[in-house]
Every structure is written in structure tokens, then in C-alpha cells.
Amino acid sequence: MLIMGIDPGTATTGYAFVREDEDGAPQAVAYGVITTPPSTPMPQRLQHIYAEVKRLIAEHQPEEAAIEEMFFGKNITAAITVAQGRGVTLMALADARLKIREYKPAEVKQTVAGSGNAPKKQVQEMVKTLLNLDHIPKPDDAADALAIAITALQSSRWEHLVGE
């Protein structure tokens, strides 16, 4: 099963495609980021994110998608812009009729690193180890998208085992 992971944002949206190899281990197929310049008006930035997510779906043909749920910090303005990016990403996923899984940051950390309070560096190291990569994926948004995809792959595997 090929799963698309998304770490939503407006300036930078991380994406990743992960599948199980023949031994059942997660394998990175592709990952990277979609970026939009801050000087571009917001409607065009959102349009670019939407178009790129649609293009990536068409190119890789995932069976499911996973996206990080919103984490609200103290910066309301930043939260609103992230929510806008998340919204157009969800719309692109829904347009493709993908099953969409949503995970809180602590759920992703728990699945990948064994602790919902794991620091970002520990999660990145585990992503590198689980996917047998030579280095930690950069930028951070791509590593986060890989962690989200790994979480969805684990959830899907569990559901299959218990018959959900």
C-alpha cells in the first residue's frame, strides 16, 4: 500500500510517499516540500499548494493519505495561515477520493519514536532508521511528512490485522 503523508503549511508543505517493502518494512518512495514565496498573494499561494498536491497524487497514485492535525501555539496569525494551507490540501486529497487519516503531532511522535513527547531530533533519527536512509531527510517538513506517512502505514497494518 502506498500512503501519502502531508505536513501542511503555507510557506512550506512537506510531502512524502511511503510503502511497505516485501519484508513489511516501511520504504520511502519520494519526499520533499512544496514552497510558496511570502511575497506572493495568499490566494495564489493556496492555489499553488492545491495544484502541486494534485500533481503529486496523479504522479504517485497513493491509495491513502495522512495529514497532521492542527497544533495551536500562541501565534494565531501563523495558525490561520497553516490552517489555510491544510484546507486546500484536504480539498486536493478529497478530490482524489483518497481515504484521509488525521494525526495529532503527539500520535506521530508516539508511533515513530515511542513517546508522544519525543523531541523533533529523536523523531527525525527514527525516521532515518525506520526507512533505512543514509541521512535525516531535509528540510524538517519533509521528515515530518515521512513520519506522518509511517504512522498511517502502521495504523493501516494494525487495522488489517484486527479486521477493521
C-alpha atoms as a PDB file:
ATOM      1  CA  MET A   1       0.000   0.000   0.000  1.00  0.00           C
ATOM      2  CA  LEU A   2       1.319   3.449  -0.934  1.00  0.00           C
ATOM      3  CA  ILE A   3       0.494   6.215   1.542  1.00  0.00           C
ATOM      4  CA  MET A   4       0.966   9.940   1.075  1.00  0.00           C
ATOM      5  CA  GLY A   5       1.950  11.881   4.195  1.00  0.00           C
ATOM      6  CA  ILE A   6       1.436  15.635   4.439  1.00  0.00           C
ATOM      7  CA  ASP A   7       2.855  18.169   6.897  1.00  0.00           C
ATOM      8  CA  PRO A   8       0.644  21.132   5.995  1.00  0.00           C
ATOM      9  CA  GLY A   9       1.713  24.740   5.806  1.00  0.00           C
ATOM     10  CA  THR A  10       1.516  27.789   3.612  1.00  0.00           C
ATOM     11  CA  ALA A  11       5.171  28.737   3.207  1.00  0.00           C
ATOM     12  CA  THR A  12       6.278  25.087   3.234  1.00  0.00           C
ATOM     13  CA  THR A  13       4.187  21.949   2.899  1.00  0.00           C
ATOM     14  CA  GLY A  14       6.035  18.690   3.439  1.00  0.00           C
ATOM     15  CA  TYR A  15       5.003  15.632   1.460  1.00  0.00           C
ATOM     16  CA  ALA A  16       6.095  12.006   1.450  1.00  0.00           C
ATOM     17  CA  PHE A  17       5.159   8.708  -0.145  1.00  0.00           C
ATOM     18  CA  VAL A  18       5.840   5.549   1.877  1.00  0.00           C
ATOM     19  CA  ARG A  19       5.031   1.900   1.235  1.00  0.00           C
ATOM     20  CA  GLU A  20       5.859  -1.460   2.752  1.00  0.00           C
ATOM     21  CA  ASP A  21       8.645  -3.412   1.098  1.00  0.00           C
ATOM     22  CA  GLU A  22       8.420  -7.183   0.547  1.00  0.00           C
ATOM     23  CA  ASP A  23       9.545  -7.783   4.156  1.00  0.00           C
ATOM     24  CA  GLY A  24       6.891  -5.438   5.587  1.00  0.00           C
ATOM     25  CA  ALA A  25       9.351  -2.644   6.417  1.00  0.00           C
ATOM     26  CA  PRO A  26       8.424   0.944   5.536  1.00  0.00           C
ATOM     27  CA  GLN A  27      10.169   2.263   2.453  1.00  0.00           C
ATOM     28  CA  ALA A  28      10.412   5.884   1.283  1.00  0.00           C
ATOM     29  CA  VAL A  29       9.316   6.232  -2.329  1.00  0.00           C
ATOM     30  CA  ALA A  30       9.573  10.028  -2.628  1.00  0.00           C
ATOM     31  CA  TYR A  31       9.566  13.064  -0.356  1.00  0.00           C
ATOM     32  CA  GLY A  32      10.120  16.799  -0.457  1.00  0.00           C
ATOM     33  CA  VAL A  33       8.416  20.127   0.044  1.00  0.00           C
ATOM     34  CA  ILE A  34       6.085  22.468  -1.761  1.00  0.00           C
ATOM     35  CA  THR A  35       7.131  26.069  -1.135  1.00  0.00           C
ATOM     36  CA  THR A  36       5.447  29.389  -1.780  1.00  0.00           C
ATOM     37  CA  PRO A  37       7.160  32.780  -1.551  1.00  0.00           C
ATOM     38  CA  PRO A  38       5.811  35.140   1.135  1.00  0.00           C
ATOM     39  CA  SER A  39       5.669  37.925  -1.455  1.00  0.00           C
ATOM     40  CA  THR A  40       3.028  36.036  -3.443  1.00  0.00           C
ATOM     41  CA  PRO A  41      -0.579  36.924  -2.548  1.00  0.00           C
ATOM     42  CA  MET A  42      -2.257  34.304  -0.354  1.00  0.00           C
ATOM     43  CA  PRO A  43      -4.862  33.177  -2.929  1.00  0.00           C
ATOM     44  CA  GLN A  44      -2.107  32.319  -5.433  1.00  0.00           C
ATOM     45  CA  ARG A  45      -0.033  30.572  -2.737  1.00  0.00           C
ATOM     46  CA  LEU A  46      -3.003  28.383  -1.823  1.00  0.00           C
ATOM     47  CA  GLN A  47      -3.731  27.713  -5.489  1.00  0.00           C
ATOM     48  CA  HIS A  48      -0.110  26.592  -5.969  1.00  0.00           C
ATOM     49  CA  ILE A  49      -0.267  24.200  -2.974  1.00  0.00           C
ATOM     50  CA  TYR A  50      -3.529  22.725  -4.232  1.00  0.00           C
ATOM     51  CA  ALA A  51      -2.166  22.237  -7.764  1.00  0.00           C
ATOM     52  CA  GLU A  52       1.077  20.656  -6.530  1.00  0.00           C
ATOM     53  CA  VAL A  53      -0.708  18.228  -4.209  1.00  0.00           C
ATOM     54  CA  LYS A  54      -2.990  17.218  -7.108  1.00  0.00           C
ATOM     55  CA  ARG A  55       0.066  16.769  -9.364  1.00  0.00           C
ATOM     56  CA  LEU A  56       1.854  14.614  -6.772  1.00  0.00           C
ATOM     57  CA  ILE A  57      -1.231  12.444  -6.321  1.00  0.00           C
ATOM     58  CA  ALA A  58      -1.528  11.969 -10.088  1.00  0.00           C
ATOM     59  CA  GLU A  59       2.178  11.122 -10.359  1.00  0.00           C
ATOM     60  CA  HIS A  60       2.388   8.627  -7.476  1.00  0.00           C
ATOM     61  CA  GLN A  61      -1.189   7.274  -7.239  1.00  0.00           C
ATOM     62  CA  PRO A  62      -1.334   6.719  -3.451  1.00  0.00           C
ATOM     63  CA  GLU A  63      -4.075   4.549  -2.003  1.00  0.00           C
ATOM     64  CA  GLU A  64      -4.445   6.601   1.183  1.00  0.00           C
ATOM     65  CA  ALA A  65      -3.286   9.905   2.610  1.00  0.00           C
ATOM     66  CA  ALA A  66      -2.413  11.129   6.074  1.00  0.00           C
ATOM     67  CA  ILE A  67      -2.171  14.705   7.287  1.00  0.00           C
ATOM     68  CA  GLU A  68      -1.148  16.271  10.558  1.00  0.00           C
ATOM     69  CA  GLU A  69      -3.900  17.856  12.618  1.00  0.00           C
ATOM     70  CA  MET A  70      -3.544  21.477  13.624  1.00  0.00           C
ATOM     71  CA  PHE A  71      -1.397  22.332  16.614  1.00  0.00           C
ATOM     72  CA  PHE A  72      -2.343  25.721  18.008  1.00  0.00           C
ATOM     73  CA  GLY A  73       0.502  27.674  19.508  1.00  0.00           C
ATOM     74  CA  LYS A  74       0.445  31.247  20.697  1.00  0.00           C
ATOM     75  CA  ASN A  75       0.801  32.775  17.235  1.00  0.00           C
ATOM     76  CA  ILE A  76      -2.769  32.990  15.959  1.00  0.00           C
ATOM     77  CA  THR A  77      -1.739  34.554  12.643  1.00  0.00           C
ATOM     78  CA  ALA A  78       0.607  31.662  11.875  1.00  0.00           C
ATOM     79  CA  ALA A  79      -2.095  29.155  12.890  1.00  0.00           C
ATOM     80  CA  ILE A  80      -4.566  30.753  10.484  1.00  0.00           C
ATOM     81  CA  THR A  81      -2.160  30.592   7.543  1.00  0.00           C
ATOM     82  CA  VAL A  82      -1.273  26.959   8.323  1.00  0.00           C
ATOM     83  CA  ALA A  83      -4.995  26.180   8.521  1.00  0.00           C
ATOM     84  CA  GLN A  84      -5.500  27.706   5.074  1.00  0.00           C
ATOM     85  CA  GLY A  85      -2.755  25.517   3.616  1.00  0.00           C
ATOM     86  CA  ARG A  86      -4.196  22.494   5.404  1.00  0.00           C
ATOM     87  CA  GLY A  87      -7.640  23.271   3.996  1.00  0.00           C
ATOM     88  CA  VAL A  88      -6.590  23.353   0.352  1.00  0.00           C
ATOM     89  CA  THR A  89      -4.512  20.218   0.894  1.00  0.00           C
ATOM     90  CA  LEU A  90      -7.521  18.392   2.359  1.00  0.00           C
ATOM     91  CA  MET A  91      -9.570  19.537  -0.614  1.00  0.00           C
ATOM     92  CA  ALA A  92      -6.999  18.112  -3.062  1.00  0.00           C
ATOM     93  CA  LEU A  93      -6.944  14.803  -1.156  1.00  0.00           C
ATOM     94  CA  ALA A  94     -10.735  14.658  -1.080  1.00  0.00           C
ATOM     95  CA  ASP A  95     -10.943  15.482  -4.805  1.00  0.00           C
ATOM     96  CA  ALA A  96      -8.739  12.426  -5.416  1.00  0.00           C
ATOM     97  CA  ARG A  97     -11.160  10.354  -3.314  1.00  0.00           C
ATOM     98  CA  LEU A  98      -8.395   9.144  -1.032  1.00  0.00           C
ATOM     99  CA  LYS A  99      -9.033   7.759   2.410  1.00  0.00           C
ATOM    100  CA  ILE A 100      -7.687  10.502   4.679  1.00  0.00           C
ATOM    101  CA  ARG A 101      -6.174   9.795   8.078  1.00  0.00           C
ATOM    102  CA  GLU A 102      -5.503  12.650  10.500  1.00  0.00           C
ATOM    103  CA  TYR A 103      -2.996  12.526  13.348  1.00  0.00           C
ATOM    104  CA  LYS A 104      -2.085  14.795  16.211  1.00  0.00           C
ATOM    105  CA  PRO A 105       1.657  15.574  16.489  1.00  0.00           C
ATOM    106  CA  ALA A 106       1.871  13.530  19.720  1.00  0.00           C
ATOM    107  CA  GLU A 107       0.366  10.468  17.960  1.00  0.00           C
ATOM    108  CA  VAL A 108       3.015  10.687  15.246  1.00  0.00           C
ATOM    109  CA  LYS A 109       5.804  11.044  17.827  1.00  0.00           C
ATOM    110  CA  GLN A 110       4.420   8.091  19.807  1.00  0.00           C
ATOM    111  CA  THR A 111       4.269   5.843  16.744  1.00  0.00           C
ATOM    112  CA  VAL A 112       7.646   6.754  15.296  1.00  0.00           C
ATOM    113  CA  ALA A 113       9.760   7.410  18.401  1.00  0.00           C
ATOM    114  CA  GLY A 114       7.866   5.593  21.158  1.00  0.00           C
ATOM    115  CA  SER A 115       6.979   8.728  23.118  1.00  0.00           C
ATOM    116  CA  GLY A 116       4.388  11.418  22.454  1.00  0.00           C
ATOM    117  CA  ASN A 117       6.825  13.910  23.981  1.00  0.00           C
ATOM    118  CA  ALA A 118       9.819  12.910  21.844  1.00  0.00           C
ATOM    119  CA  PRO A 119      11.923  15.845  20.644  1.00  0.00           C
ATOM    120  CA  LYS A 120      11.953  16.615  16.919  1.00  0.00           C
ATOM    121  CA  LYS A 121      15.566  15.399  16.539  1.00  0.00           C
ATOM    122  CA  GLN A 122      14.671  11.982  18.006  1.00  0.00           C
ATOM    123  CA  VAL A 123      11.714  11.629  15.624  1.00  0.00           C
ATOM    124  CA  GLN A 124      13.948  12.566  12.688  1.00  0.00           C
ATOM    125  CA  GLU A 125      16.558   9.998  13.725  1.00  0.00           C
ATOM    126  CA  MET A 126      13.869   7.319  13.954  1.00  0.00           C
ATOM    127  CA  VAL A 127      12.507   8.252  10.513  1.00  0.00           C
ATOM    128  CA  LYS A 128      16.037   7.829   9.146  1.00  0.00           C
ATOM    129  CA  THR A 129      16.413   4.465  10.908  1.00  0.00           C
ATOM    130  CA  LEU A 130      12.951   3.076  10.075  1.00  0.00           C
ATOM    131  CA  LEU A 131      13.320   3.966   6.404  1.00  0.00           C
ATOM    132  CA  ASN A 132      16.972   2.863   6.248  1.00  0.00           C
ATOM    133  CA  LEU A 133      18.066   6.250   4.892  1.00  0.00           C
ATOM    134  CA  ASP A 134      21.660   7.475   4.777  1.00  0.00           C
ATOM    135  CA  HIS A 135      20.801  10.821   6.371  1.00  0.00           C
ATOM    136  CA  ILE A 136      17.968  12.655   8.107  1.00  0.00           C
ATOM    137  CA  PRO A 137      15.588  13.957   5.441  1.00  0.00           C
ATOM    138  CA  LYS A 138      15.713  17.695   4.907  1.00  0.00           C
ATOM    139  CA  PRO A 139      14.020  20.057   5.287  1.00  0.00           C
ATOM    140  CA  ASP A 140      12.221  19.280   8.554  1.00  0.00           C
ATOM    141  CA  ASP A 141       8.823  19.461   6.840  1.00  0.00           C
ATOM    142  CA  ALA A 142       9.754  16.538   4.568  1.00  0.00           C
ATOM    143  CA  ALA A 143      10.944  14.493   7.571  1.00  0.00           C
ATOM    144  CA  ASP A 144       7.677  15.305   9.344  1.00  0.00           C
ATOM    145  CA  ALA A 145       5.669  14.176   6.302  1.00  0.00           C
ATOM    146  CA  LEU A 146       7.597  10.897   6.287  1.00  0.00           C
ATOM    147  CA  ALA A 147       6.791  10.405   9.992  1.00  0.00           C
ATOM    148  CA  ILE A 148       3.104  11.055   9.288  1.00  0.00           C
ATOM    149  CA  ALA A 149       3.121   8.536   6.415  1.00  0.00           C
ATOM    150  CA  ILE A 150       4.863   5.931   8.615  1.00  0.00           C
ATOM    151  CA  THR A 151       2.184   6.478  11.265  1.00  0.00           C
ATOM    152  CA  ALA A 152      -0.567   5.913   8.704  1.00  0.00           C
ATOM    153  CA  LEU A 153       1.156   2.807   7.386  1.00  0.00           C
ATOM    154  CA  GLN A 154       1.331   1.390  10.925  1.00  0.00           C
ATOM    155  CA  SER A 155      -2.336   2.234  11.535  1.00  0.00           C
ATOM    156  CA  SER A 156      -3.354   0.610   8.276  1.00  0.00           C
ATOM    157  CA  ARG A 157      -1.331  -2.511   9.104  1.00  0.00           C
ATOM    158  CA  TRP A 158      -2.959  -2.705  12.542  1.00  0.00           C
ATOM    159  CA  GLU A 159      -6.465  -2.311  11.107  1.00  0.00           C
ATOM    160  CA  HIS A 160      -5.734  -5.085   8.627  1.00  0.00           C
ATOM    161  CA  LEU A 161      -4.513  -7.400  11.414  1.00  0.00           C
ATOM    162  CA  VAL A 162      -7.536  -6.830  13.648  1.00  0.00           C
ATOM    163  CA  GLY A 163     -10.008  -6.826  10.773  1.00  0.00           C
ATOM    164  CA  GLU A 164     -11.258  -3.242  10.980  1.00  0.00           C
END
